Amino acid sequence: MHPSIVVLKFGSSVLQTEADLPQAIDEIYREWREGRRVIAVVSAFAGVTDQRFAQTRAVTSDLHEQAAWVAGGEEESGTKLAAALVANGVSARYVDAREAGLRAHGEPHESTPVSLNAAYLRECLQEHAVLVVPGFVAQDIQGRTVLLGRGGSDLTALFVAKNLDARCRLLKDVDGVYESDPAVVENHAQRFNRLSWRTALSIGGKIIQPRALQFAQSHGQSFEVACVDSNLATLVDAGPDEFAAVPHESTQRLRVVLLGLGTVGLGVYAHLIRRPDLFEVVRMVVRDLDKPRRIEVANLDVPKSLLSTDVWDAVTQPADLVIETLGGLDPAGDVVHAALLRGRAVVTANKALIASRWWDKLSRFAASERRLKFSAAVGGGVPVLETVAALARHGGVAQVRAILNGTCNFILDALEQRIDFGTALAQAQANGFAEADPHDDLVGLDAARKLELIARAAFGDSSHFELSVRGIDGVTASQAALVREEGLTLKLVGVCERSGAHVRGVVKLHELPAGDFLAGARAEENRIEILAGNGETVRLSGKGAGRWPTALSILGDVHEYLRERRLAGRDEQAPAAVVNA
């Protein structure tokens, strides 16, 4: 099995409406930050397939024409998910059944998949972290649209995973497969930790499409059934059947204090209020209580009753988690440290804080206690620190080259188009990529802090770090345009590598040839190229600035803490009971 690719299937029980897309994005981001490329197989939104069947049957009896119309439901949900991923900073692309080479034969509404252009999909995954593929839909040998039967998205996911030798996870509205309907209290239904294909077929029901189960059984293919944001799952394979010792996870809400409600903080709050089952925001610290604050995506005003200007009062509130988006060192350093000492968990995007003298006091909370998380401090929505740390654990890191500052990259792109520096900076600020005071961005300090955090993840705290920094201030449009005319592109690049006990980092302008991976970064995009100790090169790209990419990364840390908290809160598990060998 290819461990770096996972196929996630999102059915209409998970993606009931467009409003549920953030849940899918969180689950996809969870896999990406763990180092996997993702193929997301999607069903139409709830009720859309039945609606489209009724519409098309009223106007045509041609089964292929009906299939083509019905398939539009998957196209709608798939393209909307891909667009939402891109808006949140994730490098994603929608690939329809024709482009994926997903061929099937049989009846137009009950076809069986027979082939897939797996090499093409692997090639696409070299350029994008996520591919979104419609479930339930394929092409016949004549290029006509056909359907894979009711529940056919399960079959699509398993077929794609089998052809890519990838892990497969079917995401449902329950956290696994039960012996009977868990919604009926009188059933006292037990959840399977492991389930054989044979038993799964005999249980029946709607949780897994029978044709998908038959496909998995005939190919000896294992897969998981789970719900979003859960540690629990049922593994479906050859067996034996085992009931889970822990039937459910605790779903107690996290009480959250949010420090700062600016561009990023407001985006984080918008995410939190979408999941009232998981989060309760108990206090938010702002500078101005009377400033109007509105969450446009939710059509809601921020309730003034939750606002405060007193950070110390907020930190002493009974809470489980503090999310810090204030920025800077004062008062963020004292406040974060105090929150951690009080037993709170803290998530922050404050790279100035983590790269400062405060690290000596904060490091133990990030290492042994795992209550301080700061993935969003580098790369916006791109999981840079997680990827570098994982590579460091498994073979080491030789070098990292990266474009780490979206503001500078945006400005340099504009300068190449002969837009003057001041206008380019104003555009970056208007788009939310640059702060009101952009000094740290322009002189290279922001990129340098991020590079220091990368070096720490790659080479450890014990290495002596030497850093040389020069930013983009002083660069003119004519200089940038001249570089472009020579077939090169001007980029602010950070490089770090180890030499003995020393780690050297350099942030400076480079004239890169068009074929260089970093040269392809456009606007606020970040790109990172990691040379692993075994000679393998790992490349990451995505939006590195803006409200939604940074908020997504913060929420990635929040969900990770939530899952860890649930695991820690479980009773010691007894060995799973074998119920059917």
Protein backbone atom coordinates (compact mmCIF):
# COMPACT_ATOMS: atom_id res chain seq x y z
CA MET A 1 0.00 0.00 0.00
CA HIS A 2 1.20 3.51 -0.86
CA PRO A 3 1.18 5.21 2.57
CA SER A 4 1.48 8.74 1.19
CA ILE A 5 -1.88 8.66 -0.67
CA VAL A 6 -5.28 8.37 0.99
CA VAL A 7 -8.69 8.24 -0.66
CA LEU A 8 -11.39 9.94 1.43
CA LYS A 9 -15.00 9.41 0.44
CA PHE A 10 -17.54 12.05 1.49
CA GLY A 11 -21.14 10.94 1.05
CA SER A 12 -24.32 12.99 1.18
CA SER A 13 -24.73 12.10 4.87
CA VAL A 14 -21.57 14.15 5.51
CA LEU A 15 -21.89 16.76 2.75
CA GLN A 16 -25.61 17.38 3.07
CA THR A 17 -25.35 20.97 1.83
CA GLU A 18 -22.70 23.46 0.76
CA ALA A 19 -22.58 24.63 4.39
CA ASP A 20 -20.93 21.30 5.30
CA LEU A 21 -17.88 21.85 3.06
CA PRO A 22 -15.74 23.16 5.98
CA GLN A 23 -16.03 19.77 7.71
CA ALA A 24 -14.65 18.05 4.63
CA ILE A 25 -11.88 20.63 4.35
CA ASP A 26 -10.86 20.06 7.97
CA GLU A 27 -10.68 16.29 7.39
CA ILE A 28 -8.69 16.69 4.17
CA TYR A 29 -6.32 19.13 5.85
CA ARG A 30 -5.85 16.63 8.70
CA GLU A 31 -4.47 14.10 6.20
CA TRP A 32 -2.36 16.66 4.31
CA ARG A 33 -0.67 17.91 7.47
CA GLU A 34 0.20 14.28 8.29
CA GLY A 35 2.15 14.08 5.03
CA ARG A 36 -0.38 12.46 2.72
CA ARG A 37 -1.71 13.46 -0.67
CA VAL A 38 -5.49 13.19 -0.81
CA ILE A 39 -8.05 12.10 -3.36
CA ALA A 40 -11.47 13.24 -2.16
CA VAL A 41 -14.35 11.27 -3.72
CA VAL A 42 -17.64 13.13 -3.33
CA SER A 43 -21.32 12.35 -3.68
CA ALA A 44 -23.93 14.91 -4.64
CA PHE A 45 -25.40 16.99 -1.82
CA ALA A 46 -28.32 15.35 0.03
CA GLY A 47 -31.44 14.96 -2.09
CA VAL A 48 -29.86 16.24 -5.30
CA THR A 49 -29.55 12.82 -6.99
CA ASP A 50 -33.24 12.01 -6.46
CA GLN A 51 -34.20 15.48 -7.63
CA ARG A 52 -32.16 15.15 -10.80
CA PHE A 53 -33.50 11.68 -11.54
CA ALA A 54 -37.06 13.04 -11.30
CA GLN A 55 -36.22 16.00 -13.54
CA THR A 56 -34.56 14.01 -16.30
CA ARG A 57 -37.10 11.16 -16.34
CA ALA A 58 -39.79 13.74 -17.00
CA VAL A 59 -38.13 14.83 -20.26
CA THR A 60 -36.25 11.80 -21.66
CA SER A 61 -36.28 8.02 -21.54
CA ASP A 62 -32.69 7.74 -22.82
CA LEU A 63 -30.72 6.17 -19.96
CA HIS A 64 -27.40 7.74 -20.99
CA GLU A 65 -28.95 11.21 -21.19
CA GLN A 66 -30.46 10.63 -17.77
CA ALA A 67 -27.07 9.55 -16.39
CA ALA A 68 -25.38 12.66 -17.79
CA TRP A 69 -27.93 14.92 -16.11
CA VAL A 70 -27.83 13.10 -12.78
CA ALA A 71 -24.00 13.22 -12.77
CA GLY A 72 -24.24 17.01 -12.57
CA GLY A 73 -24.93 16.65 -8.85
CA GLU A 74 -21.48 15.18 -8.21
CA GLU A 75 -19.92 17.80 -10.47
CA GLU A 76 -21.55 20.56 -8.43
CA SER A 77 -20.41 19.26 -5.04
CA GLY A 78 -16.95 18.34 -6.37
CA THR A 79 -16.20 21.68 -8.02
CA LYS A 80 -17.46 23.56 -4.96
CA LEU A 81 -15.26 21.51 -2.64
CA ALA A 82 -12.21 22.08 -4.85
CA ALA A 83 -12.88 25.83 -4.99
CA ALA A 84 -13.34 25.98 -1.21
CA LEU A 85 -10.05 24.15 -0.67
CA VAL A 86 -8.21 26.62 -2.91
CA ALA A 87 -9.83 29.57 -1.11
CA ASN A 88 -8.52 28.13 2.16
CA GLY A 89 -4.97 27.91 0.83
CA VAL A 90 -4.86 24.22 -0.15
CA SER A 91 -3.45 23.31 -3.55
CA ALA A 92 -6.43 21.41 -4.99
CA ARG A 93 -7.94 20.51 -8.36
CA TYR A 94 -11.20 18.98 -9.58
CA VAL A 95 -10.69 16.00 -11.93
CA ASP A 96 -13.82 14.64 -13.61
CA ALA A 97 -14.38 11.00 -14.51
CA ARG A 98 -13.41 11.51 -18.16
CA GLU A 99 -10.10 13.19 -17.27
CA ALA A 100 -9.36 10.52 -14.64
CA GLY A 101 -9.88 7.81 -17.24
CA LEU A 102 -12.51 6.12 -15.06
CA ARG A 103 -14.12 3.62 -17.43
CA ALA A 104 -17.01 1.25 -16.70
CA HIS A 105 -19.18 -1.24 -18.52
CA GLY A 106 -22.68 -2.58 -17.96
CA GLU A 107 -26.10 -1.00 -17.64
CA PRO A 108 -26.04 2.84 -17.86
CA HIS A 109 -27.35 3.22 -14.29
CA GLU A 110 -25.62 0.17 -12.77
CA SER A 111 -22.19 -0.01 -14.40
CA THR A 112 -19.04 -1.65 -13.06
CA PRO A 113 -15.71 0.24 -13.11
CA VAL A 114 -13.01 -1.52 -15.13
CA SER A 115 -10.10 0.91 -15.63
CA LEU A 116 -8.53 4.12 -14.36
CA ASN A 117 -5.64 6.29 -15.52
CA ALA A 118 -3.74 5.86 -12.25
CA ALA A 119 -0.48 7.21 -13.71
CA TYR A 120 -2.22 10.47 -14.62
CA LEU A 121 -3.67 10.87 -11.14
CA ARG A 122 -0.24 10.26 -9.57
CA GLU A 123 1.19 12.91 -11.89
CA CYS A 124 -1.50 15.36 -10.81
CA LEU A 125 -0.70 14.62 -7.16
CA GLN A 126 2.86 15.77 -7.78
CA GLU A 127 1.47 19.25 -8.50
CA HIS A 128 -1.48 19.36 -6.11
CA ALA A 129 -2.01 18.24 -2.55
CA VAL A 130 -5.64 17.28 -3.19
CA LEU A 131 -7.62 15.97 -6.14
CA VAL A 132 -11.41 16.04 -5.96
CA VAL A 133 -13.08 13.29 -7.98
CA PRO A 134 -16.83 12.71 -8.46
CA GLY A 135 -18.16 9.46 -7.04
CA PHE A 136 -20.91 7.37 -8.65
CA VAL A 137 -19.92 8.53 -12.16
CA ALA A 138 -17.84 6.97 -14.95
CA GLN A 139 -17.53 6.84 -18.74
CA ASP A 140 -18.29 3.87 -20.95
CA ILE A 141 -16.11 2.77 -23.86
CA GLN A 142 -17.96 5.18 -26.17
CA GLY A 143 -17.31 8.11 -23.81
CA ARG A 144 -20.89 8.33 -22.55
CA THR A 145 -21.68 9.06 -18.90
CA VAL A 146 -22.74 6.05 -16.84
CA LEU A 147 -23.58 5.60 -13.16
CA LEU A 148 -22.34 2.99 -10.67
CA GLY A 149 -25.64 2.34 -8.90
CA ARG A 150 -27.08 3.67 -5.65
CA GLY A 151 -24.33 4.33 -3.15
CA GLY A 152 -21.83 4.06 -5.98
CA SER A 153 -19.45 6.61 -4.48
CA ASP A 154 -18.26 3.88 -2.08
CA LEU A 155 -17.38 1.77 -5.11
CA THR A 156 -15.63 4.70 -6.79
CA ALA A 157 -13.49 5.32 -3.70
CA LEU A 158 -12.49 1.68 -3.30
CA PHE A 159 -11.77 1.28 -7.02
CA VAL A 160 -9.58 4.41 -7.11
CA ALA A 161 -7.74 3.35 -3.93
CA LYS A 162 -7.14 -0.14 -5.30
CA ASN A 163 -5.68 1.18 -8.54
CA LEU A 164 -3.43 3.64 -6.69
CA ASP A 165 -2.51 1.10 -3.99
CA ALA A 166 -3.73 3.73 -1.50
CA ARG A 167 -5.40 3.70 1.89
CA CYS A 168 -9.18 4.19 1.73
CA ARG A 169 -11.43 5.78 4.35
CA LEU A 170 -15.20 5.97 3.85
CA LEU A 171 -16.53 8.91 5.88
CA LYS A 172 -20.09 8.54 7.10
CA ASP A 173 -22.34 10.13 9.72
CA VAL A 174 -21.40 7.40 12.23
CA ASP A 175 -18.00 6.52 13.69
CA GLY A 176 -17.89 2.99 12.30
CA VAL A 177 -20.05 -0.03 11.60
CA TYR A 178 -22.44 -1.28 14.30
CA GLU A 179 -24.10 -4.67 14.72
CA SER A 180 -27.48 -2.90 14.45
CA ASP A 181 -28.81 0.63 14.14
CA PRO A 182 -27.07 2.69 16.89
CA ALA A 183 -29.74 5.38 16.65
CA VAL A 184 -32.23 2.97 18.25
CA VAL A 185 -31.38 3.13 21.96
CA GLU A 186 -33.05 -0.18 22.74
CA ASN A 187 -30.65 -1.97 20.41
CA HIS A 188 -27.63 -1.30 22.68
CA ALA A 189 -25.67 -1.70 19.45
CA GLN A 190 -21.97 -2.45 19.70
CA ARG A 191 -19.46 -0.90 17.32
CA PHE A 192 -17.06 -3.12 15.45
CA ASN A 193 -13.38 -2.33 15.80
CA ARG A 194 -12.70 -4.84 13.03
CA LEU A 195 -15.18 -6.40 10.65
CA SER A 196 -14.89 -9.07 7.98
CA TRP A 197 -16.27 -8.49 4.50
CA ARG A 198 -18.47 -11.55 4.98
CA THR A 199 -20.11 -10.20 8.15
CA ALA A 200 -20.43 -6.73 6.68
CA LEU A 201 -22.38 -8.17 3.76
CA SER A 202 -24.63 -10.16 6.08
CA ILE A 203 -25.40 -7.13 8.29
CA GLY A 204 -26.72 -5.31 5.23
CA GLY A 205 -28.14 -1.84 5.62
CA LYS A 206 -27.10 1.38 3.96
CA ILE A 207 -23.77 2.08 5.66
CA ILE A 208 -21.64 0.49 2.89
CA GLN A 209 -22.81 -0.22 -0.66
CA PRO A 210 -22.98 -4.04 -1.14
CA ARG A 211 -21.29 -3.88 -4.56
CA ALA A 212 -18.44 -1.93 -2.99
CA LEU A 213 -18.11 -4.60 -0.30
CA GLN A 214 -18.10 -7.35 -2.90
CA PHE A 215 -15.39 -5.51 -4.83
CA ALA A 216 -13.23 -5.15 -1.70
CA GLN A 217 -13.71 -8.81 -0.77
CA SER A 218 -12.88 -10.09 -4.26
CA HIS A 219 -9.66 -8.02 -4.31
CA GLY A 220 -8.64 -8.60 -0.68
CA GLN A 221 -8.85 -4.85 -0.07
CA SER A 222 -9.03 -3.43 3.45
CA PHE A 223 -10.61 -0.06 4.19
CA GLU A 224 -11.94 2.04 7.09
CA VAL A 225 -15.38 3.37 7.96
CA ALA A 226 -15.36 6.46 10.17
CA CYS A 227 -16.83 9.90 10.70
CA VAL A 228 -15.06 13.23 10.32
CA ASP A 229 -12.70 14.43 13.05
CA SER A 230 -12.74 11.12 14.95
CA ASN A 231 -10.01 8.83 16.23
CA LEU A 232 -12.37 5.86 15.93
CA ALA A 233 -13.01 3.70 12.88
CA THR A 234 -14.05 0.23 11.85
CA LEU A 235 -11.42 -1.63 9.85
CA VAL A 236 -13.09 -3.82 7.23
CA ASP A 237 -10.91 -6.68 6.01
CA ALA A 238 -10.71 -10.48 6.17
CA GLY A 239 -11.46 -10.43 9.92
CA PRO A 240 -11.82 -11.81 12.51
CA ASP A 241 -14.71 -9.67 13.76
CA GLU A 242 -13.98 -7.69 16.94
CA PHE A 243 -16.20 -5.44 18.98
CA ALA A 244 -14.60 -2.20 20.17
CA ALA A 245 -13.81 -1.90 23.88
CA VAL A 246 -14.66 1.83 23.71
CA PRO A 247 -17.97 2.27 21.88
CA HIS A 248 -17.88 6.07 21.57
CA GLU A 249 -15.56 9.01 22.06
CA SER A 250 -16.37 11.77 24.51
CA THR A 251 -17.91 14.72 22.70
CA GLN A 252 -17.60 17.35 25.46
CA ARG A 253 -17.21 20.80 23.91
CA LEU A 254 -14.00 22.80 24.18
CA ARG A 255 -14.38 26.14 25.92
CA VAL A 256 -12.36 28.61 23.85
CA VAL A 257 -10.89 32.04 24.53
CA LEU A 258 -9.93 33.95 21.40
CA LEU A 259 -7.26 36.65 21.78
CA GLY A 260 -7.56 39.05 18.85
CA LEU A 261 -10.37 39.45 16.36
CA GLY A 262 -8.61 40.97 13.37
CA THR A 263 -8.30 39.48 9.90
CA VAL A 264 -7.19 36.02 11.06
CA GLY A 265 -9.06 36.00 14.38
CA LEU A 266 -12.38 36.72 12.68
CA GLY A 267 -11.72 33.86 10.28
CA VAL A 268 -11.01 31.51 13.18
CA TYR A 269 -14.20 32.61 14.93
CA ALA A 270 -16.19 31.93 11.74
CA HIS A 271 -14.85 28.36 11.75
CA LEU A 272 -15.58 27.82 15.44
CA ILE A 273 -19.22 28.91 15.32
CA ARG A 274 -19.88 26.44 12.50
CA ARG A 275 -19.32 23.62 14.99
CA PRO A 276 -21.30 24.41 18.15
CA ASP A 277 -21.19 20.68 18.91
CA LEU A 278 -17.40 20.93 19.35
CA PHE A 279 -16.64 24.48 20.48
CA GLU A 280 -18.02 27.09 22.86
CA VAL A 281 -16.41 30.53 22.56
CA VAL A 282 -16.50 32.03 26.07
CA ARG A 283 -14.52 35.25 25.56
CA MET A 284 -12.87 37.29 22.79
CA VAL A 285 -10.34 40.06 23.38
CA VAL A 286 -10.43 43.13 21.13
CA ARG A 287 -9.03 46.65 21.22
CA ASP A 288 -12.30 48.45 20.41
CA LEU A 289 -15.58 47.14 21.83
CA ASP A 290 -17.73 49.34 19.57
CA LYS A 291 -16.20 48.41 16.22
CA PRO A 292 -18.78 46.61 14.02
CA ARG A 293 -17.79 42.97 13.44
CA ARG A 294 -19.73 40.74 11.10
CA ILE A 295 -19.20 37.18 9.84
CA GLU A 296 -20.40 37.53 6.26
CA VAL A 297 -20.20 33.82 5.44
CA ALA A 298 -22.55 33.08 8.36
CA ASN A 299 -24.61 36.30 8.04
CA LEU A 300 -24.07 36.98 11.74
CA ASP A 301 -22.83 39.85 13.87
CA VAL A 302 -20.24 39.04 16.55
CA PRO A 303 -22.09 39.18 19.91
CA LYS A 304 -20.79 42.07 22.00
CA SER A 305 -21.52 40.14 25.19
CA LEU A 306 -18.49 37.93 24.47
CA LEU A 307 -16.08 40.83 23.88
CA SER A 308 -13.54 42.23 26.33
CA THR A 309 -10.55 44.55 26.17
CA ASP A 310 -8.87 42.90 29.18
CA VAL A 311 -6.55 40.06 28.12
CA TRP A 312 -5.85 39.05 31.72
CA ASP A 313 -9.52 38.73 32.57
CA ALA A 314 -9.94 36.58 29.45
CA VAL A 315 -7.07 34.26 30.32
CA THR A 316 -8.45 33.66 33.81
CA GLN A 317 -11.84 32.64 32.41
CA PRO A 318 -12.65 28.93 32.89
CA ALA A 319 -11.56 27.55 29.53
CA ASP A 320 -9.80 24.64 27.85
CA LEU A 321 -8.11 26.39 24.94
CA VAL A 322 -6.69 29.83 24.18
CA ILE A 323 -6.20 30.86 20.55
CA GLU A 324 -3.77 33.77 20.23
CA THR A 325 -3.88 35.97 17.11
CA LEU A 326 -2.68 39.22 18.70
CA GLY A 327 0.79 39.03 17.14
CA GLY A 328 4.00 40.57 18.43
CA LEU A 329 5.67 39.98 21.78
CA ASP A 330 3.80 42.34 24.11
CA PRO A 331 1.49 41.34 25.70
CA ALA A 332 1.33 38.03 23.77
CA GLY A 333 4.38 36.49 25.47
CA ASP A 334 3.20 37.05 29.03
CA VAL A 335 -0.39 36.12 28.21
CA VAL A 336 0.47 32.86 26.41
CA HIS A 337 2.88 31.83 29.16
CA ALA A 338 0.30 32.60 31.85
CA ALA A 339 -2.39 30.61 30.02
CA LEU A 340 -0.10 27.59 29.74
CA LEU A 341 0.83 27.79 33.43
CA ARG A 342 -2.89 27.77 34.25
CA GLY A 343 -3.27 24.48 32.42
CA ARG A 344 -4.82 25.83 29.23
CA ALA A 345 -3.81 24.61 25.80
CA VAL A 346 -2.67 27.37 23.42
CA VAL A 347 -2.74 27.59 19.62
CA THR A 348 -0.96 30.52 17.98
CA ALA A 349 0.20 31.75 14.59
CA ASN A 350 2.67 34.17 16.19
CA LYS A 351 6.05 33.37 14.62
CA ALA A 352 7.65 36.42 16.29
CA LEU A 353 6.77 34.94 19.68
CA ILE A 354 7.88 31.37 18.94
CA ALA A 355 11.16 32.52 17.38
CA SER A 356 11.97 34.90 20.26
CA ARG A 357 13.54 34.69 23.72
CA TRP A 358 10.18 33.38 24.94
CA TRP A 359 10.95 29.99 23.41
CA ASP A 360 13.07 28.98 26.42
CA LYS A 361 9.98 29.31 28.64
CA LEU A 362 7.49 27.91 26.14
CA SER A 363 9.34 24.97 24.62
CA ARG A 364 8.41 22.41 27.29
CA PHE A 365 4.71 23.06 26.65
CA ALA A 366 5.22 22.29 22.95
CA ALA A 367 7.42 19.22 23.46
CA SER A 368 6.60 16.96 26.39
CA GLU A 369 3.19 18.40 27.30
CA ARG A 370 1.98 19.08 23.71
CA ARG A 371 -0.28 21.89 24.92
CA LEU A 372 1.33 24.59 22.74
CA LYS A 373 0.80 24.33 18.99
CA PHE A 374 1.94 26.78 16.34
CA SER A 375 1.70 25.18 12.89
CA ALA A 376 0.17 28.34 11.42
CA ALA A 377 3.31 30.34 12.27
CA VAL A 378 4.86 29.14 8.99
CA GLY A 379 3.27 28.74 5.59
CA GLY A 380 -0.33 29.79 6.22
CA GLY A 381 -2.40 26.84 5.05
CA VAL A 382 0.67 24.86 3.94
CA PRO A 383 1.72 22.26 6.58
CA VAL A 384 5.42 23.16 6.48
CA LEU A 385 6.50 22.50 10.07
CA GLU A 386 4.62 19.19 10.27
CA THR A 387 6.19 17.94 7.03
CA VAL A 388 9.71 19.02 7.97
CA ALA A 389 9.41 17.48 11.46
CA ALA A 390 8.12 14.19 10.02
CA LEU A 391 11.01 13.99 7.55
CA ALA A 392 13.48 14.82 10.32
CA ARG A 393 12.17 11.87 12.35
CA HIS A 394 12.41 9.48 9.42
CA GLY A 395 15.84 9.84 7.87
CA GLY A 396 16.66 13.47 8.50
CA VAL A 397 16.67 16.70 6.47
CA ALA A 398 19.64 17.94 4.44
CA GLN A 399 18.34 21.28 3.17
CA VAL A 400 15.23 23.44 2.94
CA ARG A 401 14.64 26.08 0.23
CA ALA A 402 11.50 28.13 0.49
CA ILE A 403 9.46 31.16 -0.43
CA LEU A 404 7.96 32.02 2.93
CA ASN A 405 6.51 35.51 2.72
CA GLY A 406 3.36 36.04 0.68
CA THR A 407 3.59 39.83 0.94
CA CYS A 408 7.04 39.96 -0.66
CA ASN A 409 6.11 37.44 -3.32
CA PHE A 410 2.98 39.42 -4.20
CA ILE A 411 4.99 42.65 -4.46
CA LEU A 412 7.76 41.09 -6.57
CA ASP A 413 5.18 39.70 -8.99
CA ALA A 414 3.68 43.18 -9.32
CA LEU A 415 7.11 44.79 -9.80
CA GLU A 416 7.77 42.42 -12.72
CA GLN A 417 4.64 43.90 -14.33
CA ARG A 418 6.19 47.39 -13.90
CA ILE A 419 3.80 48.35 -11.11
CA ASP A 420 5.61 50.71 -8.72
CA PHE A 421 6.54 49.51 -5.21
CA GLY A 422 4.09 51.73 -3.31
CA THR A 423 1.13 50.68 -5.44
CA ALA A 424 2.09 46.99 -5.16
CA LEU A 425 2.33 47.27 -1.36
CA ALA A 426 -1.05 49.01 -1.16
CA GLN A 427 -2.59 46.21 -3.24
CA ALA A 428 -1.08 43.58 -0.92
CA GLN A 429 -2.54 45.38 2.09
CA ALA A 430 -5.94 45.75 0.43
CA ASN A 431 -5.99 41.99 -0.24
CA GLY A 432 -5.15 41.15 3.38
CA PHE A 433 -1.66 39.77 2.58
CA ALA A 434 0.29 42.59 4.26
CA GLU A 435 -0.03 44.19 7.70
CA ALA A 436 -0.73 47.88 8.18
CA ASP A 437 2.93 48.12 9.21
CA PRO A 438 4.74 45.90 6.66
CA HIS A 439 8.27 46.59 7.93
CA ASP A 440 9.04 43.04 9.11
CA ASP A 441 7.85 41.61 5.79
CA LEU A 442 9.82 44.00 3.58
CA VAL A 443 13.16 43.76 5.40
CA GLY A 444 12.99 39.95 5.50
CA LEU A 445 12.39 39.56 9.25
CA ASP A 446 9.13 37.68 8.81
CA ALA A 447 10.73 35.16 6.45
CA ALA A 448 13.75 34.88 8.75
CA ARG A 449 11.58 33.99 11.76
CA LYS A 450 9.81 31.34 9.74
CA LEU A 451 13.14 29.98 8.51
CA GLU A 452 14.33 29.73 12.11
CA LEU A 453 11.26 27.68 13.03
CA ILE A 454 11.85 25.43 10.03
CA ALA A 455 15.50 24.97 11.03
CA ARG A 456 14.42 24.08 14.55
CA ALA A 457 11.98 21.46 13.22
CA ALA A 458 14.57 20.08 10.80
CA PHE A 459 17.71 20.08 12.92
CA GLY A 460 16.60 20.43 16.56
CA ASP A 461 17.02 23.09 19.23
CA SER A 462 20.58 22.08 20.06
CA SER A 463 22.08 23.22 16.76
CA HIS A 464 23.74 26.63 16.62
CA PHE A 465 21.78 28.74 14.13
CA GLU A 466 23.50 31.46 12.09
CA LEU A 467 21.21 33.69 10.06
CA SER A 468 21.83 36.27 7.35
CA VAL A 469 18.87 38.37 6.20
CA ARG A 470 18.20 40.85 3.43
CA GLY A 471 14.70 41.78 2.27
CA ILE A 472 13.14 43.40 -0.79
CA ASP A 473 13.08 47.03 0.30
CA GLY A 474 14.74 49.14 -2.35
CA VAL A 475 13.89 46.89 -5.29
CA THR A 476 12.39 48.82 -8.20
CA ALA A 477 9.94 47.85 -10.91
CA SER A 478 12.57 48.41 -13.59
CA GLN A 479 15.01 46.03 -11.86
CA ALA A 480 12.38 43.29 -11.53
CA ALA A 481 11.18 43.74 -15.10
CA LEU A 482 14.75 43.53 -16.42
CA VAL A 483 15.29 40.22 -14.61
CA ARG A 484 12.10 38.92 -16.20
CA GLU A 485 13.21 40.00 -19.68
CA GLU A 486 16.30 37.84 -19.17
CA GLY A 487 14.08 34.77 -18.67
CA LEU A 488 14.48 34.75 -14.88
CA THR A 489 12.22 35.69 -11.98
CA LEU A 490 13.07 37.60 -8.81
CA LYS A 491 12.13 35.81 -5.57
CA LEU A 492 12.87 36.25 -1.86
CA VAL A 493 14.20 32.80 -0.92
CA GLY A 494 15.09 31.37 2.45
CA VAL A 495 17.61 28.53 2.60
CA CYS A 496 18.76 26.57 5.65
CA GLU A 497 21.11 23.60 5.92
CA ARG A 498 23.35 21.97 8.49
CA SER A 499 27.12 21.92 8.44
CA GLY A 500 28.43 19.89 11.38
CA ALA A 501 27.03 21.32 14.60
CA HIS A 502 26.09 24.56 12.86
CA VAL A 503 22.93 25.39 10.95
CA ARG A 504 23.16 28.28 8.53
CA GLY A 505 20.15 30.19 7.24
CA VAL A 506 20.08 32.83 4.52
CA VAL A 507 17.16 35.00 3.40
CA LYS A 508 17.87 37.05 0.28
CA LEU A 509 16.76 37.81 -3.26
CA HIS A 510 17.49 35.18 -5.91
CA GLU A 511 17.19 35.32 -9.69
CA LEU A 512 15.61 31.96 -10.42
CA PRO A 513 15.30 30.20 -13.78
CA ALA A 514 11.78 29.43 -14.96
CA GLY A 515 12.23 25.69 -14.38
CA ASP A 516 12.95 26.09 -10.67
CA PHE A 517 10.03 24.87 -8.53
CA LEU A 518 10.20 28.02 -6.38
CA ALA A 519 10.01 30.25 -9.44
CA GLY A 520 6.44 29.11 -10.03
CA ALA A 521 5.12 30.76 -6.84
CA ARG A 522 2.57 33.42 -7.74
CA ALA A 523 1.10 36.24 -5.66
CA GLU A 524 0.71 35.20 -1.97
CA GLU A 525 1.65 31.58 -2.66
CA ASN A 526 4.35 29.91 -0.55
CA ARG A 527 6.51 27.11 -1.95
CA ILE A 528 8.84 24.85 0.00
CA GLU A 529 11.37 22.35 -1.33
CA ILE A 530 12.81 19.93 1.24
CA LEU A 531 15.79 17.71 0.49
CA ALA A 532 15.50 14.72 2.79
CA GLY A 533 18.44 12.80 4.19
CA ASN A 534 17.78 9.90 1.82
CA GLY A 535 18.02 12.17 -1.23
CA GLU A 536 14.25 12.41 -1.77
CA THR A 537 12.87 15.85 -2.62
CA VAL A 538 9.53 16.84 -1.09
CA ARG A 539 7.67 19.87 -2.46
CA LEU A 540 4.80 21.80 -0.90
CA SER A 541 2.81 24.75 -2.19
CA GLY A 542 -0.25 26.72 -1.22
CA LYS A 543 -1.43 30.12 -0.08
CA GLY A 544 0.84 31.44 2.62
CA ALA A 545 -1.08 34.53 3.66
CA GLY A 546 -4.61 35.76 4.15
CA ARG A 547 -7.50 35.14 6.54
CA TRP A 548 -8.69 31.73 5.45
CA PRO A 549 -5.37 29.89 4.86
CA THR A 550 -4.04 30.97 8.25
CA ALA A 551 -7.35 30.25 9.97
CA LEU A 552 -7.39 26.76 8.41
CA SER A 553 -3.94 26.02 9.80
CA ILE A 554 -4.95 27.27 13.25
CA LEU A 555 -8.04 25.07 13.13
CA GLY A 556 -5.83 22.15 12.12
CA ASP A 557 -3.99 22.56 15.43
CA VAL A 558 -7.27 23.00 17.29
CA HIS A 559 -8.73 19.78 15.89
CA GLU A 560 -5.49 17.93 16.60
CA TYR A 561 -5.63 19.05 20.24
CA LEU A 562 -9.28 18.03 20.42
CA ARG A 563 -8.49 14.52 19.16
CA GLU A 564 -5.53 14.18 21.54
CA ARG A 565 -7.75 15.29 24.43
CA ARG A 566 -10.33 12.67 23.57
CA LEU A 567 -7.65 9.98 23.44
CA ALA A 568 -6.24 11.06 26.80
CA GLY A 569 -9.72 11.04 28.32
CA ARG A 570 -10.49 7.45 27.48
CA ASP A 571 -10.50 4.75 30.09
CA GLU A 572 -7.82 2.13 29.70
CA GLN A 573 -9.07 -0.14 26.97
CA ALA A 574 -9.63 -3.84 27.51
CA PRO A 575 -8.55 -6.18 24.71
CA ALA A 576 -11.08 -6.24 21.88
CA ALA A 577 -13.38 -9.24 22.00
CA VAL A 578 -13.23 -11.62 19.06
CA VAL A 579 -16.84 -12.30 18.16
CA ASN A 580 -16.53 -14.17 14.90
CA ALA A 581 -13.31 -15.89 13.87
